[in-house]
Amino acid sequence: MNITSFKRRAEIIKAMGHYARLIIIDALLKKEQCVCELNDLLEMDQSTLSRHLTVLKNAGIIEDDKRGLKVFYKLKTPCVMKYIECIEGVIKSNK
């Protein structure tokens, strides 16, 4: 058993532990988006959105691409959707 591996897994799960971050992941599954699009979607302060994006980026879930004055985000690991689908299964089975 590798404790470090379990700690890293917990960090990644924790990064997805806020509804706004799940909305971001869902939006980026469809297409890459600039910060302004994500801001319109979530209707929150840009500083709050920036913190959420940083958490997801540090966890290795998303990555950014600076183009001129705009920053675009995309999923770095689309397989996180399998985890989210599993959660949906748990929700449905508990109804």
PDB file of N, CA and C in Angstrom:
ATOM      1  N   MET A   1       0.842  -1.177   0.000  1.00  0.00           N
ATOM      2  CA  MET A   1       0.000   0.000   0.000  1.00  0.00           C
ATOM      3  C   MET A   1       0.892   1.246   0.000  1.00  0.00           C
ATOM      4  N   ASN A   2       0.634   2.147  -0.920  1.00  0.00           N
ATOM      5  CA  ASN A   2       1.415   3.365  -1.044  1.00  0.00           C
ATOM      6  C   ASN A   2       0.583   4.537  -0.522  1.00  0.00           C
ATOM      7  N   ILE A   3       0.899   5.005   0.677  1.00  0.00           N
ATOM      8  CA  ILE A   3       0.149   6.091   1.313  1.00  0.00           C
ATOM      9  C   ILE A   3       0.175   7.349   0.455  1.00  0.00           C
ATOM     10  N   THR A   4       1.304   7.654  -0.159  1.00  0.00           N
ATOM     11  CA  THR A   4       1.431   8.849  -0.994  1.00  0.00           C
ATOM     12  C   THR A   4       0.434   8.824  -2.142  1.00  0.00           C
ATOM     13  N   SER A   5       0.261   7.672  -2.742  1.00  0.00           N
ATOM     14  CA  SER A   5      -0.691   7.528  -3.838  1.00  0.00           C
ATOM     15  C   SER A   5      -2.118   7.801  -3.363  1.00  0.00           C
ATOM     16  N   PHE A   6      -2.464   7.304  -2.184  1.00  0.00           N
ATOM     17  CA  PHE A   6      -3.802   7.543  -1.646  1.00  0.00           C
ATOM     18  C   PHE A   6      -4.002   9.018  -1.304  1.00  0.00           C
ATOM     19  N   LYS A   7      -2.965   9.663  -0.794  1.00  0.00           N
ATOM     20  CA  LYS A   7      -3.058  11.094  -0.492  1.00  0.00           C
ATOM     21  C   LYS A   7      -3.280  11.896  -1.763  1.00  0.00           C
ATOM     22  N   ARG A   8      -2.585  11.541  -2.832  1.00  0.00           N
ATOM     23  CA  ARG A   8      -2.742  12.243  -4.114  1.00  0.00           C
ATOM     24  C   ARG A   8      -4.156  12.049  -4.662  1.00  0.00           C
ATOM     25  N   ARG A   9      -4.664  10.837  -4.540  1.00  0.00           N
ATOM     26  CA  ARG A   9      -6.040  10.573  -4.980  1.00  0.00           C
ATOM     27  C   ARG A   9      -7.021  11.447  -4.208  1.00  0.00           C
ATOM     28  N   ALA A  10      -6.812  11.545  -2.908  1.00  0.00           N
ATOM     29  CA  ALA A  10      -7.694  12.363  -2.067  1.00  0.00           C
ATOM     30  C   ALA A  10      -7.634  13.830  -2.476  1.00  0.00           C
ATOM     31  N   GLU A  11      -6.445  14.317  -2.843  1.00  0.00           N
ATOM     32  CA  GLU A  11      -6.301  15.706  -3.300  1.00  0.00           C
ATOM     33  C   GLU A  11      -7.117  15.947  -4.568  1.00  0.00           C
ATOM     34  N   ILE A  12      -7.073  15.002  -5.484  1.00  0.00           N
ATOM     35  CA  ILE A  12      -7.807  15.147  -6.742  1.00  0.00           C
ATOM     36  C   ILE A  12      -9.310  15.106  -6.482  1.00  0.00           C
ATOM     37  N   ILE A  13      -9.752  14.184  -5.633  1.00  0.00           N
ATOM     38  CA  ILE A  13     -11.173  14.109  -5.299  1.00  0.00           C
ATOM     39  C   ILE A  13     -11.614  15.392  -4.601  1.00  0.00           C
ATOM     40  N   LYS A  14     -10.782  15.900  -3.703  1.00  0.00           N
ATOM     41  CA  LYS A  14     -11.096  17.144  -2.998  1.00  0.00           C
ATOM     42  C   LYS A  14     -11.213  18.307  -3.983  1.00  0.00           C
ATOM     43  N   ALA A  15     -10.382  18.323  -5.011  1.00  0.00           N
ATOM     44  CA  ALA A  15     -10.433  19.399  -6.008  1.00  0.00           C
ATOM     45  C   ALA A  15     -11.774  19.422  -6.730  1.00  0.00           C
ATOM     46  N   MET A  16     -12.426  18.274  -6.821  1.00  0.00           N
ATOM     47  CA  MET A  16     -13.735  18.207  -7.480  1.00  0.00           C
ATOM     48  C   MET A  16     -14.872  18.328  -6.471  1.00  0.00           C
ATOM     49  N   GLY A  17     -14.555  18.691  -5.245  1.00  0.00           N
ATOM     50  CA  GLY A  17     -15.524  18.695  -4.163  1.00  0.00           C
ATOM     51  C   GLY A  17     -16.342  19.955  -4.003  1.00  0.00           C
ATOM     52  N   HIS A  18     -16.455  20.766  -5.033  1.00  0.00           N
ATOM     53  CA  HIS A  18     -17.279  21.974  -4.977  1.00  0.00           C
ATOM     54  C   HIS A  18     -18.153  22.000  -6.219  1.00  0.00           C
ATOM     55  N   TYR A  19     -19.418  22.369  -6.035  1.00  0.00           N
ATOM     56  CA  TYR A  19     -20.347  22.341  -7.173  1.00  0.00           C
ATOM     57  C   TYR A  19     -19.877  23.205  -8.339  1.00  0.00           C
ATOM     58  N   ALA A  20     -19.251  24.344  -8.052  1.00  0.00           N
ATOM     59  CA  ALA A  20     -18.784  25.229  -9.131  1.00  0.00           C
ATOM     60  C   ALA A  20     -17.704  24.541  -9.961  1.00  0.00           C
ATOM     61  N   ARG A  21     -16.844  23.782  -9.311  1.00  0.00           N
ATOM     62  CA  ARG A  21     -15.789  23.075 -10.043  1.00  0.00           C
ATOM     63  C   ARG A  21     -16.372  21.963 -10.895  1.00  0.00           C
ATOM     64  N   LEU A  22     -17.432  21.329 -10.411  1.00  0.00           N
ATOM     65  CA  LEU A  22     -18.103  20.308 -11.222  1.00  0.00           C
ATOM     66  C   LEU A  22     -18.772  20.938 -12.442  1.00  0.00           C
ATOM     67  N   ILE A  23     -19.323  22.132 -12.280  1.00  0.00           N
ATOM     68  CA  ILE A  23     -19.911  22.849 -13.420  1.00  0.00           C
ATOM     69  C   ILE A  23     -18.821  23.186 -14.428  1.00  0.00           C
ATOM     70  N   ILE A  24     -17.670  23.637 -13.944  1.00  0.00           N
ATOM     71  CA  ILE A  24     -16.542  23.958 -14.831  1.00  0.00           C
ATOM     72  C   ILE A  24     -16.116  22.712 -15.603  1.00  0.00           C
ATOM     73  N   ILE A  25     -15.957  21.600 -14.906  1.00  0.00           N
ATOM     74  CA  ILE A  25     -15.552  20.350 -15.564  1.00  0.00           C
ATOM     75  C   ILE A  25     -16.567  19.960 -16.625  1.00  0.00           C
ATOM     76  N   ASP A  26     -17.845  20.051 -16.292  1.00  0.00           N
ATOM     77  CA  ASP A  26     -18.903  19.704 -17.243  1.00  0.00           C
ATOM     78  C   ASP A  26     -18.856  20.611 -18.468  1.00  0.00           C
ATOM     79  N   ALA A  27     -18.657  21.903 -18.254  1.00  0.00           N
ATOM     80  CA  ALA A  27     -18.585  22.850 -19.373  1.00  0.00           C
ATOM     81  C   ALA A  27     -17.379  22.566 -20.261  1.00  0.00           C
ATOM     82  N   LEU A  28     -16.253  22.230 -19.649  1.00  0.00           N
ATOM     83  CA  LEU A  28     -15.034  21.975 -20.419  1.00  0.00           C
ATOM     84  C   LEU A  28     -15.062  20.626 -21.117  1.00  0.00           C
ATOM     85  N   LEU A  29     -15.935  19.745 -20.671  1.00  0.00           N
ATOM     86  CA  LEU A  29     -16.098  18.473 -21.367  1.00  0.00           C
ATOM     87  C   LEU A  29     -16.660  18.720 -22.768  1.00  0.00           C
ATOM     88  N   LYS A  30     -17.516  19.724 -22.872  1.00  0.00           N
ATOM     89  CA  LYS A  30     -18.155  20.045 -24.150  1.00  0.00           C
ATOM     90  C   LYS A  30     -17.194  20.753 -25.104  1.00  0.00           C
ATOM     91  N   LYS A  31     -16.419  21.723 -24.570  1.00  0.00           N
ATOM     92  CA  LYS A  31     -15.455  22.455 -25.397  1.00  0.00           C
ATOM     93  C   LYS A  31     -14.561  23.294 -24.498  1.00  0.00           C
ATOM     94  N   GLU A  32     -13.403  23.672 -25.038  1.00  0.00           N
ATOM     95  CA  GLU A  32     -12.553  24.578 -24.271  1.00  0.00           C
ATOM     96  C   GLU A  32     -13.259  25.924 -24.186  1.00  0.00           C
ATOM     97  N   GLN A  33     -12.993  26.640 -23.106  1.00  0.00           N
ATOM     98  CA  GLN A  33     -13.681  27.906 -22.897  1.00  0.00           C
ATOM     99  C   GLN A  33     -12.725  28.925 -22.302  1.00  0.00           C
ATOM    100  N   CYS A  34     -12.982  30.185 -22.633  1.00  0.00           N
ATOM    101  CA  CYS A  34     -12.185  31.258 -22.039  1.00  0.00           C
ATOM    102  C   CYS A  34     -12.777  31.606 -20.672  1.00  0.00           C
ATOM    103  N   VAL A  35     -12.010  32.308 -19.896  1.00  0.00           N
ATOM    104  CA  VAL A  35     -12.438  32.690 -18.559  1.00  0.00           C
ATOM    105  C   VAL A  35     -13.749  33.466 -18.624  1.00  0.00           C
ATOM    106  N   CYS A  36     -13.889  34.330 -19.624  1.00  0.00           N
ATOM    107  CA  CYS A  36     -15.106  35.143 -19.726  1.00  0.00           C
ATOM    108  C   CYS A  36     -16.345  34.269 -19.915  1.00  0.00           C
ATOM    109  N   GLU A  37     -16.240  33.187 -20.686  1.00  0.00           N
ATOM    110  CA  GLU A  37     -17.374  32.274 -20.880  1.00  0.00           C
ATOM    111  C   GLU A  37     -17.716  31.553 -19.577  1.00  0.00           C
ATOM    112  N   LEU A  38     -16.699  31.110 -18.869  1.00  0.00           N
ATOM    113  CA  LEU A  38     -16.928  30.429 -17.598  1.00  0.00           C
ATOM    114  C   LEU A  38     -17.510  31.390 -16.570  1.00  0.00           C
ATOM    115  N   ASN A  39     -17.068  32.628 -16.615  1.00  0.00           N
ATOM    116  CA  ASN A  39     -17.582  33.645 -15.704  1.00  0.00           C
ATOM    117  C   ASN A  39     -19.067  33.892 -15.957  1.00  0.00           C
ATOM    118  N   ASP A  40     -19.457  33.960 -17.232  1.00  0.00           N
ATOM    119  CA  ASP A  40     -20.874  34.132 -17.579  1.00  0.00           C
ATOM    120  C   ASP A  40     -21.696  32.935 -17.113  1.00  0.00           C
ATOM    121  N   LEU A  41     -21.139  31.756 -17.247  1.00  0.00           N
ATOM    122  CA  LEU A  41     -21.835  30.531 -16.870  1.00  0.00           C
ATOM    123  C   LEU A  41     -22.079  30.460 -15.362  1.00  0.00           C
ATOM    124  N   LEU A  42     -21.070  30.802 -14.593  1.00  0.00           N
ATOM    125  CA  LEU A  42     -21.148  30.646 -13.137  1.00  0.00           C
ATOM    126  C   LEU A  42     -21.652  31.885 -12.411  1.00  0.00           C
ATOM    127  N   GLU A  43     -21.599  33.032 -13.068  1.00  0.00           N
ATOM    128  CA  GLU A  43     -22.056  34.291 -12.465  1.00  0.00           C
ATOM    129  C   GLU A  43     -21.445  34.515 -11.083  1.00  0.00           C
ATOM    130  N   MET A  44     -20.126  34.495 -11.029  1.00  0.00           N
ATOM    131  CA  MET A  44     -19.424  34.748  -9.773  1.00  0.00           C
ATOM    132  C   MET A  44     -18.285  35.724 -10.024  1.00  0.00           C
ATOM    133  N   ASP A  45     -17.750  36.270  -8.955  1.00  0.00           N
ATOM    134  CA  ASP A  45     -16.612  37.180  -9.077  1.00  0.00           C
ATOM    135  C   ASP A  45     -15.483  36.484  -9.811  1.00  0.00           C
ATOM    136  N   GLN A  46     -14.761  37.263 -10.606  1.00  0.00           N
ATOM    137  CA  GLN A  46     -13.653  36.680 -11.357  1.00  0.00           C
ATOM    138  C   GLN A  46     -12.586  36.124 -10.414  1.00  0.00           C
ATOM    139  N   SER A  47     -12.392  36.769  -9.270  1.00  0.00           N
ATOM    140  CA  SER A  47     -11.381  36.275  -8.326  1.00  0.00           C
ATOM    141  C   SER A  47     -11.782  34.908  -7.761  1.00  0.00           C
ATOM    142  N   THR A  48     -13.069  34.711  -7.506  1.00  0.00           N
ATOM    143  CA  THR A  48     -13.555  33.419  -7.015  1.00  0.00           C
ATOM    144  C   THR A  48     -13.400  32.354  -8.089  1.00  0.00           C
ATOM    145  N   LEU A  49     -13.778  32.701  -9.315  1.00  0.00           N
ATOM    146  CA  LEU A  49     -13.617  31.777 -10.439  1.00  0.00           C
ATOM    147  C   LEU A  49     -12.148  31.412 -10.611  1.00  0.00           C
ATOM    148  N   SER A  50     -11.282  32.393 -10.506  1.00  0.00           N
ATOM    149  CA  SER A  50      -9.848  32.160 -10.653  1.00  0.00           C
ATOM    150  C   SER A  50      -9.340  31.163  -9.612  1.00  0.00           C
ATOM    151  N   ARG A  51      -9.829  31.277  -8.383  1.00  0.00           N
ATOM    152  CA  ARG A  51      -9.417  30.330  -7.328  1.00  0.00           C
ATOM    153  C   ARG A  51      -9.874  28.913  -7.669  1.00  0.00           C
ATOM    154  N   HIS A  52     -11.111  28.782  -8.162  1.00  0.00           N
ATOM    155  CA  HIS A  52     -11.606  27.457  -8.543  1.00  0.00           C
ATOM    156  C   HIS A  52     -10.778  26.869  -9.685  1.00  0.00           C
ATOM    157  N   LEU A  53     -10.456  27.692 -10.669  1.00  0.00           N
ATOM    158  CA  LEU A  53      -9.649  27.230 -11.801  1.00  0.00           C
ATOM    159  C   LEU A  53      -8.255  26.807 -11.341  1.00  0.00           C
ATOM    160  N   THR A  54      -7.688  27.551 -10.415  1.00  0.00           N
ATOM    161  CA  THR A  54      -6.363  27.219  -9.887  1.00  0.00           C
ATOM    162  C   THR A  54      -6.383  25.871  -9.165  1.00  0.00           C
ATOM    163  N   VAL A  55      -7.414  25.618  -8.387  1.00  0.00           N
ATOM    164  CA  VAL A  55      -7.532  24.335  -7.682  1.00  0.00           C
ATOM    165  C   VAL A  55      -7.576  23.187  -8.688  1.00  0.00           C
ATOM    166  N   LEU A  56      -8.402  23.341  -9.729  1.00  0.00           N
ATOM    167  CA  LEU A  56      -8.517  22.291 -10.747  1.00  0.00           C
ATOM    168  C   LEU A  56      -7.220  22.120 -11.531  1.00  0.00           C
ATOM    169  N   LYS A  57      -6.552  23.226 -11.808  1.00  0.00           N
ATOM    170  CA  LYS A  57      -5.289  23.169 -12.549  1.00  0.00           C
ATOM    171  C   LYS A  57      -4.202  22.503 -11.706  1.00  0.00           C
ATOM    172  N   ASN A  58      -4.110  22.865 -10.437  1.00  0.00           N
ATOM    173  CA  ASN A  58      -3.100  22.271  -9.554  1.00  0.00           C
ATOM    174  C   ASN A  58      -3.326  20.776  -9.348  1.00  0.00           C
ATOM    175  N   ALA A  59      -4.582  20.352  -9.463  1.00  0.00           N
ATOM    176  CA  ALA A  59      -4.900  18.928  -9.326  1.00  0.00           C
ATOM    177  C   ALA A  59      -4.617  18.159 -10.613  1.00  0.00           C
ATOM    178  N   GLY A  60      -4.322  18.887 -11.697  1.00  0.00           N
ATOM    179  CA  GLY A  60      -4.024  18.233 -12.969  1.00  0.00           C
ATOM    180  C   GLY A  60      -5.260  17.872 -13.774  1.00  0.00           C
ATOM    181  N   ILE A  61      -6.391  18.461 -13.420  1.00  0.00           N
ATOM    182  CA  ILE A  61      -7.650  18.148 -14.096  1.00  0.00           C
ATOM    183  C   ILE A  61      -7.847  19.008 -15.337  1.00  0.00           C
ATOM    184  N   ILE A  62      -7.424  20.266 -15.264  1.00  0.00           N
ATOM    185  CA  ILE A  62      -7.553  21.176 -16.407  1.00  0.00           C
ATOM    186  C   ILE A  62      -6.197  21.787 -16.724  1.00  0.00           C
ATOM    187  N   GLU A  63      -6.118  22.383 -17.898  1.00  0.00           N
ATOM    188  CA  GLU A  63      -4.917  23.127 -18.285  1.00  0.00           C
ATOM    189  C   GLU A  63      -5.349  24.386 -19.006  1.00  0.00           C
ATOM    190  N   ASP A  64      -4.454  25.365 -19.033  1.00  0.00           N
ATOM    191  CA  ASP A  64      -4.792  26.627 -19.681  1.00  0.00           C
ATOM    192  C   ASP A  64      -3.891  26.897 -20.872  1.00  0.00           C
ATOM    193  N   ASP A  65      -4.364  27.792 -21.717  1.00  0.00           N
ATOM    194  CA  ASP A  65      -3.642  28.188 -22.923  1.00  0.00           C
ATOM    195  C   ASP A  65      -3.874  29.678 -23.114  1.00  0.00           C
ATOM    196  N   LYS A  66      -2.817  30.465 -22.960  1.00  0.00           N
ATOM    197  CA  LYS A  66      -2.944  31.914 -23.105  1.00  0.00           C
ATOM    198  C   LYS A  66      -2.830  32.289 -24.573  1.00  0.00           C
ATOM    199  N   ARG A  67      -3.825  33.019 -25.041  1.00  0.00           N
ATOM    200  CA  ARG A  67      -3.849  33.496 -26.426  1.00  0.00           C
ATOM    201  C   ARG A  67      -4.123  34.990 -26.408  1.00  0.00           C
ATOM    202  N   GLY A  68      -3.072  35.740 -26.578  1.00  0.00           N
ATOM    203  CA  GLY A  68      -3.226  37.189 -26.496  1.00  0.00           C
ATOM    204  C   GLY A  68      -3.619  37.576 -25.085  1.00  0.00           C
ATOM    205  N   LEU A  69      -4.727  38.295 -24.968  1.00  0.00           N
ATOM    206  CA  LEU A  69      -5.196  38.727 -23.659  1.00  0.00           C
ATOM    207  C   LEU A  69      -6.145  37.723 -23.007  1.00  0.00           C
ATOM    208  N   LYS A  70      -6.528  36.687 -23.734  1.00  0.00           N
ATOM    209  CA  LYS A  70      -7.486  35.718 -23.207  1.00  0.00           C
ATOM    210  C   LYS A  70      -6.784  34.437 -22.764  1.00  0.00           C
ATOM    211  N   VAL A  71      -7.368  33.815 -21.750  1.00  0.00           N
ATOM    212  CA  VAL A  71      -6.889  32.525 -21.274  1.00  0.00           C
ATOM    213  C   VAL A  71      -8.011  31.513 -21.498  1.00  0.00           C
ATOM    214  N   PHE A  72      -7.678  30.439 -22.206  1.00  0.00           N
ATOM    215  CA  PHE A  72      -8.636  29.376 -22.485  1.00  0.00           C
ATOM    216  C   PHE A  72      -8.299  28.167 -21.625  1.00  0.00           C
ATOM    217  N   TYR A  73      -9.340  27.495 -21.168  1.00  0.00           N
ATOM    218  CA  TYR A  73      -9.168  26.299 -20.349  1.00  0.00           C
ATOM    219  C   TYR A  73      -9.771  25.104 -21.061  1.00  0.00           C
ATOM    220  N   LYS A  74      -9.150  23.951 -20.846  1.00  0.00           N
ATOM    221  CA  LYS A  74      -9.687  22.692 -21.365  1.00  0.00           C
ATOM    222  C   LYS A  74      -9.364  21.591 -20.372  1.00  0.00           C
ATOM    223  N   LEU A  75     -10.102  20.487 -20.493  1.00  0.00           N
ATOM    224  CA  LEU A  75      -9.835  19.345 -19.627  1.00  0.00           C
ATOM    225  C   LEU A  75      -8.508  18.714 -20.016  1.00  0.00           C
ATOM    226  N   LYS A  76      -7.679  18.497 -19.043  1.00  0.00           N
ATOM    227  CA  LYS A  76      -6.413  17.808 -19.270  1.00  0.00           C
ATOM    228  C   LYS A  76      -6.632  16.302 -19.165  1.00  0.00           C
ATOM    229  N   THR A  77      -7.571  15.921 -18.326  1.00  0.00           N
ATOM    230  CA  THR A  77      -7.871  14.511 -18.094  1.00  0.00           C
ATOM    231  C   THR A  77      -9.382  14.285 -18.178  1.00  0.00           C
ATOM    232  N   PRO A  78      -9.908  14.128 -19.395  1.00  0.00           N
ATOM    233  CA  PRO A  78     -11.353  13.931 -19.553  1.00  0.00           C
ATOM    234  C   PRO A  78     -11.884  12.690 -18.833  1.00  0.00           C
ATOM    235  N   CYS A  79     -11.002  11.793 -18.430  1.00  0.00           N
ATOM    236  CA  CYS A  79     -11.446  10.575 -17.736  1.00  0.00           C
ATOM    237  C   CYS A  79     -12.099  10.884 -16.389  1.00  0.00           C
ATOM    238  N   VAL A  80     -11.961  12.113 -15.875  1.00  0.00           N
ATOM    239  CA  VAL A  80     -12.632  12.451 -14.615  1.00  0.00           C
ATOM    240  C   VAL A  80     -14.146  12.319 -14.757  1.00  0.00           C
ATOM    241  N   MET A  81     -14.643  12.365 -15.984  1.00  0.00           N
ATOM    242  CA  MET A  81     -16.080  12.208 -16.195  1.00  0.00           C
ATOM    243  C   MET A  81     -16.540  10.808 -15.789  1.00  0.00           C
ATOM    244  N   LYS A  82     -15.665   9.814 -15.881  1.00  0.00           N
ATOM    245  CA  LYS A  82     -16.024   8.467 -15.425  1.00  0.00           C
ATOM    246  C   LYS A  82     -16.313   8.484 -13.924  1.00  0.00           C
ATOM    247  N   TYR A  83     -15.522   9.243 -13.199  1.00  0.00           N
ATOM    248  CA  TYR A  83     -15.720   9.389 -11.757  1.00  0.00           C
ATOM    249  C   TYR A  83     -17.059  10.064 -11.484  1.00  0.00           C
ATOM    250  N   ILE A  84     -17.346  11.118 -12.231  1.00  0.00           N
ATOM    251  CA  ILE A  84     -18.599  11.850 -12.051  1.00  0.00           C
ATOM    252  C   ILE A  84     -19.790  10.965 -12.422  1.00  0.00           C
ATOM    253  N   GLU A  85     -19.649  10.175 -13.481  1.00  0.00           N
ATOM    254  CA  GLU A  85     -20.716   9.239 -13.856  1.00  0.00           C
ATOM    255  C   GLU A  85     -20.945   8.211 -12.749  1.00  0.00           C
ATOM    256  N   CYS A  86     -19.889   7.781 -12.110  1.00  0.00           N
ATOM    257  CA  CYS A  86     -20.007   6.846 -10.991  1.00  0.00           C
ATOM    258  C   CYS A  86     -20.791   7.495  -9.848  1.00  0.00           C
ATOM    259  N   ILE A  87     -20.503   8.751  -9.572  1.00  0.00           N
ATOM    260  CA  ILE A  87     -21.229   9.481  -8.526  1.00  0.00           C
ATOM    261  C   ILE A  87     -22.713   9.557  -8.879  1.00  0.00           C
ATOM    262  N   GLU A  88     -23.008   9.823 -10.147  1.00  0.00           N
ATOM    263  CA  GLU A  88     -24.405   9.862 -10.602  1.00  0.00           C
ATOM    264  C   GLU A  88     -25.085   8.518 -10.348  1.00  0.00           C
ATOM    265  N   GLY A  89     -24.358   7.436 -10.575  1.00  0.00           N
ATOM    266  CA  GLY A  89     -24.895   6.106 -10.305  1.00  0.00           C
ATOM    267  C   GLY A  89     -25.223   5.910  -8.834  1.00  0.00           C
ATOM    268  N   VAL A  90     -24.354   6.409  -7.969  1.00  0.00           N
ATOM    269  CA  VAL A  90     -24.592   6.316  -6.525  1.00  0.00           C
ATOM    270  C   VAL A  90     -25.842   7.112  -6.157  1.00  0.00           C
ATOM    271  N   ILE A  91     -25.974   8.312  -6.716  1.00  0.00           N
ATOM    272  CA  ILE A  91     -27.147   9.154  -6.434  1.00  0.00           C
ATOM    273  C   ILE A  91     -28.427   8.438  -6.854  1.00  0.00           C
ATOM    274  N   LYS A  92     -28.425   7.868  -8.052  1.00  0.00           N
ATOM    275  CA  LYS A  92     -29.619   7.175  -8.557  1.00  0.00           C
ATOM    276  C   LYS A  92     -29.956   5.950  -7.713  1.00  0.00           C
ATOM    277  N   SER A  93     -28.945   5.234  -7.265  1.00  0.00           N
ATOM    278  CA  SER A  93     -29.206   4.018  -6.483  1.00  0.00           C
ATOM    279  C   SER A  93     -29.703   4.329  -5.074  1.00  0.00           C
ATOM    280  N   ASN A  94     -29.486   5.552  -4.617  1.00  0.00           N
ATOM    281  CA  ASN A  94     -29.919   5.938  -3.273  1.00  0.00           C
ATOM    282  C   ASN A  94     -31.284   6.613  -3.257  1.00  0.00           C
ATOM    283  N   LYS A  95     -31.952   6.687  -4.404  1.00  0.00           N
ATOM    284  CA  LYS A  95     -33.277   7.331  -4.453  1.00  0.00           C
ATOM    285  C   LYS A  95     -34.345   6.398  -3.973  1.00  0.00           C
TER     286      LYS A  95
END
